[in-house]
């Protein structure tokens, strides 16, 4: 019985080593790999670009408020 368990443990170890070679990493890692969640790496906006986007959105929101205010009946 002990010999069977030893053979199984040796086979498991061999398979783990083969998996590590194929995947190039630790087989005991679980879950997601580290890193940022969201935008792919390299997509960084400059401060100027963020400012322009912000101004454009504020302009769009102002237009939307203006059209919604025109649609609503005025209270008497």
PDB file of N, CA and C in Angstrom:
ATOM      1  N   UNK A   1       0.825  -1.199   0.000  1.00  0.00           N
ATOM      2  CA  UNK A   1       0.000   0.000   0.000  1.00  0.00           C
ATOM      3  C   UNK A   1       0.862   1.253   0.000  1.00  0.00           C
ATOM      4  N   UNK A   2       1.920   1.275   0.828  1.00  0.00           N
ATOM      5  CA  UNK A   2       2.810   2.434   0.887  1.00  0.00           C
ATOM      6  C   UNK A   2       3.505   2.661  -0.451  1.00  0.00           C
ATOM      7  N   UNK A   3       3.829   1.570  -1.117  1.00  0.00           N
ATOM      8  CA  UNK A   3       4.504   1.702  -2.399  1.00  0.00           C
ATOM      9  C   UNK A   3       3.589   2.358  -3.434  1.00  0.00           C
ATOM     10  N   UNK A   4       2.311   2.019  -3.420  1.00  0.00           N
ATOM     11  CA  UNK A   4       1.340   2.609  -4.349  1.00  0.00           C
ATOM     12  C   UNK A   4       1.225   4.111  -4.090  1.00  0.00           C
ATOM     13  N   UNK A   5       1.133   4.492  -2.818  1.00  0.00           N
ATOM     14  CA  UNK A   5       1.026   5.907  -2.463  1.00  0.00           C
ATOM     15  C   UNK A   5       2.287   6.654  -2.887  1.00  0.00           C
ATOM     16  N   UNK A   6       3.455   6.039  -2.673  1.00  0.00           N
ATOM     17  CA  UNK A   6       4.717   6.661  -3.090  1.00  0.00           C
ATOM     18  C   UNK A   6       4.774   6.826  -4.602  1.00  0.00           C
ATOM     19  N   UNK A   7       4.317   5.830  -5.333  1.00  0.00           N
ATOM     20  CA  UNK A   7       4.285   5.921  -6.801  1.00  0.00           C
ATOM     21  C   UNK A   7       3.337   7.032  -7.260  1.00  0.00           C
ATOM     22  N   UNK A   8       2.179   7.120  -6.608  1.00  0.00           N
ATOM     23  CA  UNK A   8       1.219   8.187  -6.954  1.00  0.00           C
ATOM     24  C   UNK A   8       1.815   9.565  -6.662  1.00  0.00           C
ATOM     25  N   UNK A   9       2.464   9.713  -5.508  1.00  0.00           N
ATOM     26  CA  UNK A   9       3.082  11.004  -5.176  1.00  0.00           C
ATOM     27  C   UNK A   9       4.174  11.373  -6.180  1.00  0.00           C
ATOM     28  N   UNK A  10       4.949  10.408  -6.608  1.00  0.00           N
ATOM     29  CA  UNK A  10       6.001  10.662  -7.598  1.00  0.00           C
ATOM     30  C   UNK A  10       5.387  11.087  -8.933  1.00  0.00           C
ATOM     31  N   UNK A  11       4.305  10.432  -9.315  1.00  0.00           N
ATOM     32  CA  UNK A  11       3.623  10.776 -10.572  1.00  0.00           C
ATOM     33  C   UNK A  11       3.021  12.172 -10.494  1.00  0.00           C
ATOM     34  N   UNK A  12       2.419  12.494  -9.361  1.00  0.00           N
ATOM     35  CA  UNK A  12       1.845  13.834  -9.167  1.00  0.00           C
ATOM     36  C   UNK A  12       2.939  14.896  -9.271  1.00  0.00           C
ATOM     37  N   UNK A  13       4.069  14.658  -8.634  1.00  0.00           N
ATOM     38  CA  UNK A  13       5.180  15.599  -8.686  1.00  0.00           C
ATOM     39  C   UNK A  13       5.680  15.768 -10.123  1.00  0.00           C
ATOM     40  N   UNK A  14       5.763  14.672 -10.861  1.00  0.00           N
ATOM     41  CA  UNK A  14       6.194  14.736 -12.260  1.00  0.00           C
ATOM     42  C   UNK A  14       5.215  15.554 -13.095  1.00  0.00           C
ATOM     43  N   UNK A  15       3.920  15.357 -12.868  1.00  0.00           N
ATOM     44  CA  UNK A  15       2.901  16.107 -13.609  1.00  0.00           C
ATOM     45  C   UNK A  15       2.945  17.598 -13.264  1.00  0.00           C
ATOM     46  N   UNK A  16       3.174  17.915 -11.990  1.00  0.00           N
ATOM     47  CA  UNK A  16       3.275  19.315 -11.574  1.00  0.00           C
ATOM     48  C   UNK A  16       4.474  19.974 -12.261  1.00  0.00           C
ATOM     49  N   UNK A  17       5.586  19.294 -12.327  1.00  0.00           N
ATOM     50  CA  UNK A  17       6.759  19.847 -12.997  1.00  0.00           C
ATOM     51  C   UNK A  17       6.497  20.054 -14.490  1.00  0.00           C
ATOM     52  N   UNK A  18       5.830  19.106 -15.117  1.00  0.00           N
ATOM     53  CA  UNK A  18       5.507  19.242 -16.538  1.00  0.00           C
ATOM     54  C   UNK A  18       4.573  20.432 -16.762  1.00  0.00           C
ATOM     55  N   UNK A  19       3.596  20.597 -15.873  1.00  0.00           N
ATOM     56  CA  UNK A  19       2.664  21.724 -15.978  1.00  0.00           C
ATOM     57  C   UNK A  19       3.400  23.049 -15.815  1.00  0.00           C
ATOM     58  N   UNK A  20       4.335  23.098 -14.863  1.00  0.00           N
ATOM     59  CA  UNK A  20       5.110  24.320 -14.660  1.00  0.00           C
ATOM     60  C   UNK A  20       5.925  24.669 -15.898  1.00  0.00           C
ATOM     61  N   UNK A  21       6.494  23.663 -16.541  1.00  0.00           N
ATOM     62  CA  UNK A  21       7.256  23.919 -17.758  1.00  0.00           C
ATOM     63  C   UNK A  21       6.364  24.466 -18.863  1.00  0.00           C
ATOM     64  N   UNK A  22       5.176  23.903 -18.988  1.00  0.00           N
ATOM     65  CA  UNK A  22       4.258  24.349 -20.038  1.00  0.00           C
ATOM     66  C   UNK A  22       3.711  25.742 -19.776  1.00  0.00           C
ATOM     67  N   UNK A  23       3.359  26.024 -18.543  1.00  0.00           N
ATOM     68  CA  UNK A  23       2.746  27.309 -18.209  1.00  0.00           C
ATOM     69  C   UNK A  23       3.757  28.374 -17.816  1.00  0.00           C
ATOM     70  N   UNK A  24       4.955  27.962 -17.498  1.00  0.00           N
ATOM     71  CA  UNK A  24       5.984  28.922 -17.131  1.00  0.00           C
ATOM     72  C   UNK A  24       5.740  29.580 -15.806  1.00  0.00           C
ATOM     73  N   UNK A  25       5.185  28.894 -14.867  1.00  0.00           N
ATOM     74  CA  UNK A  25       4.908  29.498 -13.571  1.00  0.00           C
ATOM     75  C   UNK A  25       4.647  28.475 -12.507  1.00  0.00           C
ATOM     76  N   UNK A  26       4.215  28.969 -11.378  1.00  0.00           N
ATOM     77  CA  UNK A  26       3.918  28.118 -10.230  1.00  0.00           C
ATOM     78  C   UNK A  26       2.537  27.508 -10.417  1.00  0.00           C
ATOM     79  N   UNK A  27       2.434  26.198 -10.275  1.00  0.00           N
ATOM     80  CA  UNK A  27       1.154  25.524 -10.486  1.00  0.00           C
ATOM     81  C   UNK A  27       0.189  25.747  -9.327  1.00  0.00           C
ATOM     82  N   UNK A  28       0.658  26.310  -8.233  1.00  0.00           N
ATOM     83  CA  UNK A  28      -0.202  26.495  -7.076  1.00  0.00           C
ATOM     84  C   UNK A  28      -0.853  27.861  -7.048  1.00  0.00           C
ATOM     85  N   UNK A  29      -0.605  28.698  -8.058  1.00  0.00           N
ATOM     86  CA  UNK A  29      -1.251  30.009  -8.108  1.00  0.00           C
ATOM     87  C   UNK A  29      -2.740  29.808  -8.328  1.00  0.00           C
ATOM     88  N   UNK A  30      -3.513  30.622  -7.684  1.00  0.00           N
ATOM     89  CA  UNK A  30      -4.963  30.553  -7.842  1.00  0.00           C
ATOM     90  C   UNK A  30      -5.481  31.940  -8.196  1.00  0.00           C
ATOM     91  N   UNK A  31      -6.592  31.985  -8.901  1.00  0.00           N
ATOM     92  CA  UNK A  31      -7.247  33.248  -9.175  1.00  0.00           C
ATOM     93  C   UNK A  31      -6.536  34.038 -10.259  1.00  0.00           C
ATOM     94  N   UNK A  32      -6.820  35.333 -10.274  1.00  0.00           N
ATOM     95  CA  UNK A  32      -6.305  36.231 -11.288  1.00  0.00           C
ATOM     96  C   UNK A  32      -4.841  36.536 -11.059  1.00  0.00           C
ATOM     97  N   UNK A  33      -4.178  36.832 -12.116  1.00  0.00           N
ATOM     98  CA  UNK A  33      -2.805  37.300 -11.992  1.00  0.00           C
ATOM     99  C   UNK A  33      -2.846  38.772 -11.636  1.00  0.00           C
ATOM    100  N   UNK A  34      -1.785  39.267 -11.048  1.00  0.00           N
ATOM    101  CA  UNK A  34      -1.735  40.652 -10.590  1.00  0.00           C
ATOM    102  C   UNK A  34      -1.877  41.643 -11.735  1.00  0.00           C
ATOM    103  N   UNK A  35      -2.030  42.886 -11.395  1.00  0.00           N
ATOM    104  CA  UNK A  35      -2.133  43.921 -12.408  1.00  0.00           C
ATOM    105  C   UNK A  35      -3.388  44.741 -12.245  1.00  0.00           C
ATOM    106  N   UNK A  36      -3.471  45.747 -13.086  1.00  0.00           N
ATOM    107  CA  UNK A  36      -4.634  46.631 -13.030  1.00  0.00           C
ATOM    108  C   UNK A  36      -5.857  45.950 -13.626  1.00  0.00           C
ATOM    109  N   UNK A  37      -6.994  46.349 -13.156  1.00  0.00           N
ATOM    110  CA  UNK A  37      -8.251  45.884 -13.713  1.00  0.00           C
ATOM    111  C   UNK A  37      -8.814  47.053 -14.499  1.00  0.00           C
ATOM    112  N   UNK A  38      -9.270  46.813 -15.697  1.00  0.00           N
ATOM    113  CA  UNK A  38      -9.837  47.897 -16.486  1.00  0.00           C
ATOM    114  C   UNK A  38      -9.089  48.075 -17.782  1.00  0.00           C
ATOM    115  N   UNK A  39      -8.597  49.278 -18.018  1.00  0.00           N
ATOM    116  CA  UNK A  39      -7.935  49.613 -19.272  1.00  0.00           C
ATOM    117  C   UNK A  39      -6.675  48.772 -19.455  1.00  0.00           C
ATOM    118  N   UNK A  40      -6.412  48.353 -20.680  1.00  0.00           N
ATOM    119  CA  UNK A  40      -5.183  47.608 -20.918  1.00  0.00           C
ATOM    120  C   UNK A  40      -3.964  48.492 -20.683  1.00  0.00           C
ATOM    121  N   UNK A  41      -2.824  47.913 -20.387  1.00  0.00           N
ATOM    122  CA  UNK A  41      -1.629  48.702 -20.118  1.00  0.00           C
ATOM    123  C   UNK A  41      -1.287  49.607 -21.297  1.00  0.00           C
ATOM    124  N   UNK A  42      -0.801  50.777 -21.002  1.00  0.00           N
ATOM    125  CA  UNK A  42      -0.391  51.685 -22.052  1.00  0.00           C
ATOM    126  C   UNK A  42      -1.442  52.711 -22.426  1.00  0.00           C
ATOM    127  N   UNK A  43      -2.618  52.635 -21.862  1.00  0.00           N
ATOM    128  CA  UNK A  43      -3.666  53.604 -22.180  1.00  0.00           C
ATOM    129  C   UNK A  43      -3.741  54.624 -21.058  1.00  0.00           C
ATOM    130  N   UNK A  44      -2.835  55.566 -21.081  1.00  0.00           N
ATOM    131  CA  UNK A  44      -2.776  56.585 -20.052  1.00  0.00           C
ATOM    132  C   UNK A  44      -3.111  57.914 -20.705  1.00  0.00           C
ATOM    133  N   UNK A  45      -4.042  58.647 -20.124  1.00  0.00           N
ATOM    134  CA  UNK A  45      -4.419  59.950 -20.658  1.00  0.00           C
ATOM    135  C   UNK A  45      -3.589  61.035 -19.998  1.00  0.00           C
ATOM    136  N   UNK A  46      -3.218  62.002 -20.800  1.00  0.00           N
ATOM    137  CA  UNK A  46      -2.508  63.144 -20.231  1.00  0.00           C
ATOM    138  C   UNK A  46      -3.510  64.017 -19.494  1.00  0.00           C
ATOM    139  N   UNK A  47      -2.992  64.916 -18.674  1.00  0.00           N
ATOM    140  CA  UNK A  47      -3.866  65.821 -17.933  1.00  0.00           C
ATOM    141  C   UNK A  47      -4.661  66.691 -18.905  1.00  0.00           C
ATOM    142  N   UNK A  48      -4.025  67.112 -19.996  1.00  0.00           N
ATOM    143  CA  UNK A  48      -4.702  67.942 -20.990  1.00  0.00           C
ATOM    144  C   UNK A  48      -5.853  67.182 -21.646  1.00  0.00           C
ATOM    145  N   UNK A  49      -5.627  65.908 -21.958  1.00  0.00           N
ATOM    146  CA  UNK A  49      -6.681  65.100 -22.575  1.00  0.00           C
ATOM    147  C   UNK A  49      -7.845  64.906 -21.608  1.00  0.00           C
ATOM    148  N   UNK A  50      -7.544  64.649 -20.335  1.00  0.00           N
ATOM    149  CA  UNK A  50      -8.620  64.508 -19.339  1.00  0.00           C
ATOM    150  C   UNK A  50      -9.411  65.803 -19.215  1.00  0.00           C
ATOM    151  N   UNK A  51      -8.724  66.947 -19.261  1.00  0.00           N
ATOM    152  CA  UNK A  51      -9.385  68.244 -19.157  1.00  0.00           C
ATOM    153  C   UNK A  51     -10.316  68.456 -20.349  1.00  0.00           C
ATOM    154  N   UNK A  52      -9.842  68.127 -21.566  1.00  0.00           N
ATOM    155  CA  UNK A  52     -10.678  68.302 -22.752  1.00  0.00           C
ATOM    156  C   UNK A  52     -11.903  67.399 -22.711  1.00  0.00           C
ATOM    157  N   UNK A  53     -11.727  66.170 -22.270  1.00  0.00           N
ATOM    158  CA  UNK A  53     -12.867  65.255 -22.146  1.00  0.00           C
ATOM    159  C   UNK A  53     -13.859  65.787 -21.127  1.00  0.00           C
ATOM    160  N   UNK A  54     -13.355  66.284 -20.005  1.00  0.00           N
ATOM    161  CA  UNK A  54     -14.215  66.831 -18.962  1.00  0.00           C
ATOM    162  C   UNK A  54     -15.025  68.024 -19.485  1.00  0.00           C
ATOM    163  N   UNK A  55     -14.353  68.923 -20.187  1.00  0.00           N
ATOM    164  CA  UNK A  55     -15.056  70.092 -20.728  1.00  0.00           C
ATOM    165  C   UNK A  55     -16.116  69.685 -21.736  1.00  0.00           C
ATOM    166  N   UNK A  56     -15.795  68.695 -22.580  1.00  0.00           N
ATOM    167  CA  UNK A  56     -16.764  68.227 -23.561  1.00  0.00           C
ATOM    168  C   UNK A  56     -17.981  67.602 -22.903  1.00  0.00           C
ATOM    169  N   UNK A  57     -17.764  66.812 -21.845  1.00  0.00           N
ATOM    170  CA  UNK A  57     -18.891  66.200 -21.145  1.00  0.00           C
ATOM    171  C   UNK A  57     -19.752  67.262 -20.466  1.00  0.00           C
ATOM    172  N   UNK A  58     -19.116  68.241 -19.866  1.00  0.00           N
ATOM    173  CA  UNK A  58     -19.893  69.313 -19.218  1.00  0.00           C
ATOM    174  C   UNK A  58     -20.737  70.056 -20.239  1.00  0.00           C
ATOM    175  N   UNK A  59     -20.186  70.259 -21.428  1.00  0.00           N
ATOM    176  CA  UNK A  59     -20.931  70.932 -22.491  1.00  0.00           C
ATOM    177  C   UNK A  59     -22.132  70.077 -22.912  1.00  0.00           C
ATOM    178  N   UNK A  60     -21.913  68.761 -23.057  1.00  0.00           N
ATOM    179  CA  UNK A  60     -23.014  67.868 -23.433  1.00  0.00           C
ATOM    180  C   UNK A  60     -24.102  67.839 -22.368  1.00  0.00           C
ATOM    181  N   UNK A  61     -23.683  67.789 -21.090  1.00  0.00           N
ATOM    182  CA  UNK A  61     -24.670  67.771 -20.006  1.00  0.00           C
ATOM    183  C   UNK A  61     -25.469  69.064 -19.979  1.00  0.00           C
ATOM    184  N   UNK A  62     -24.818  70.193 -20.238  1.00  0.00           N
ATOM    185  CA  UNK A  62     -25.519  71.478 -20.257  1.00  0.00           C
ATOM    186  C   UNK A  62     -26.553  71.493 -21.380  1.00  0.00           C
ATOM    187  N   UNK A  63     -26.194  70.998 -22.553  1.00  0.00           N
ATOM    188  CA  UNK A  63     -27.138  70.921 -23.667  1.00  0.00           C
ATOM    189  C   UNK A  63     -28.320  70.025 -23.317  1.00  0.00           C
ATOM    190  N   UNK A  64     -28.033  68.914 -22.679  1.00  0.00           N
ATOM    191  CA  UNK A  64     -29.100  67.983 -22.312  1.00  0.00           C
ATOM    192  C   UNK A  64     -30.055  68.625 -21.300  1.00  0.00           C
ATOM    193  N   UNK A  65     -29.496  69.317 -20.307  1.00  0.00           N
ATOM    194  CA  UNK A  65     -30.349  70.005 -19.325  1.00  0.00           C
ATOM    195  C   UNK A  65     -31.201  71.070 -20.001  1.00  0.00           C
ATOM    196  N   UNK A  66     -30.625  71.763 -20.972  1.00  0.00           N
ATOM    197  CA  UNK A  66     -31.350  72.816 -21.669  1.00  0.00           C
ATOM    198  C   UNK A  66     -32.533  72.233 -22.434  1.00  0.00           C
ATOM    199  N   UNK A  67     -32.317  71.113 -23.146  1.00  0.00           N
ATOM    200  CA  UNK A  67     -33.409  70.522 -23.924  1.00  0.00           C
ATOM    201  C   UNK A  67     -34.469  69.912 -23.010  1.00  0.00           C
ATOM    202  N   UNK A  68     -34.057  69.339 -21.890  1.00  0.00           N
ATOM    203  CA  UNK A  68     -35.031  68.773 -20.956  1.00  0.00           C
ATOM    204  C   UNK A  68     -35.837  69.870 -20.283  1.00  0.00           C
ATOM    205  N   UNK A  69     -35.213  70.996 -19.994  1.00  0.00           N
ATOM    206  CA  UNK A  69     -35.933  72.102 -19.369  1.00  0.00           C
ATOM    207  C   UNK A  69     -36.962  72.685 -20.345  1.00  0.00           C
ATOM    208  N   UNK A  70     -36.648  72.696 -21.634  1.00  0.00           N
ATOM    209  CA  UNK A  70     -37.580  73.220 -22.641  1.00  0.00           C
ATOM    210  C   UNK A  70     -38.773  72.284 -22.800  1.00  0.00           C
ATOM    211  N   UNK A  71     -38.589  70.994 -22.612  1.00  0.00           N
ATOM    212  CA  UNK A  71     -39.678  70.036 -22.775  1.00  0.00           C
ATOM    213  C   UNK A  71     -40.660  70.076 -21.603  1.00  0.00           C
ATOM    214  N   UNK A  72     -40.157  70.405 -20.406  1.00  0.00           N
ATOM    215  CA  UNK A  72     -41.019  70.401 -19.229  1.00  0.00           C
ATOM    216  C   UNK A  72     -41.951  71.614 -19.232  1.00  0.00           C
ATOM    217  N   UNK A  73     -43.227  71.411 -18.863  1.00  0.00           N
ATOM    218  CA  UNK A  73     -44.138  72.568 -18.778  1.00  0.00           C
ATOM    219  C   UNK A  73     -43.759  73.424 -17.544  1.00  0.00           C
ATOM    220  N   UNK A  74     -43.909  74.729 -17.726  1.00  0.00           N
ATOM    221  CA  UNK A  74     -43.586  75.648 -16.622  1.00  0.00           C
ATOM    222  C   UNK A  74     -44.698  75.641 -15.594  1.00  0.00           C
ATOM    223  N   UNK A  75     -44.308  75.667 -14.327  1.00  0.00           N
ATOM    224  CA  UNK A  75     -45.288  75.667 -13.232  1.00  0.00           C
ATOM    225  C   UNK A  75     -45.853  77.075 -13.088  1.00  0.00           C
ATOM    226  N   UNK A  76     -47.156  77.168 -12.844  1.00  0.00           N
ATOM    227  CA  UNK A  76     -47.789  78.491 -12.756  1.00  0.00           C
ATOM    228  C   UNK A  76     -47.979  78.929 -11.341  1.00  0.00           C
TER     229      UNK A  76
END
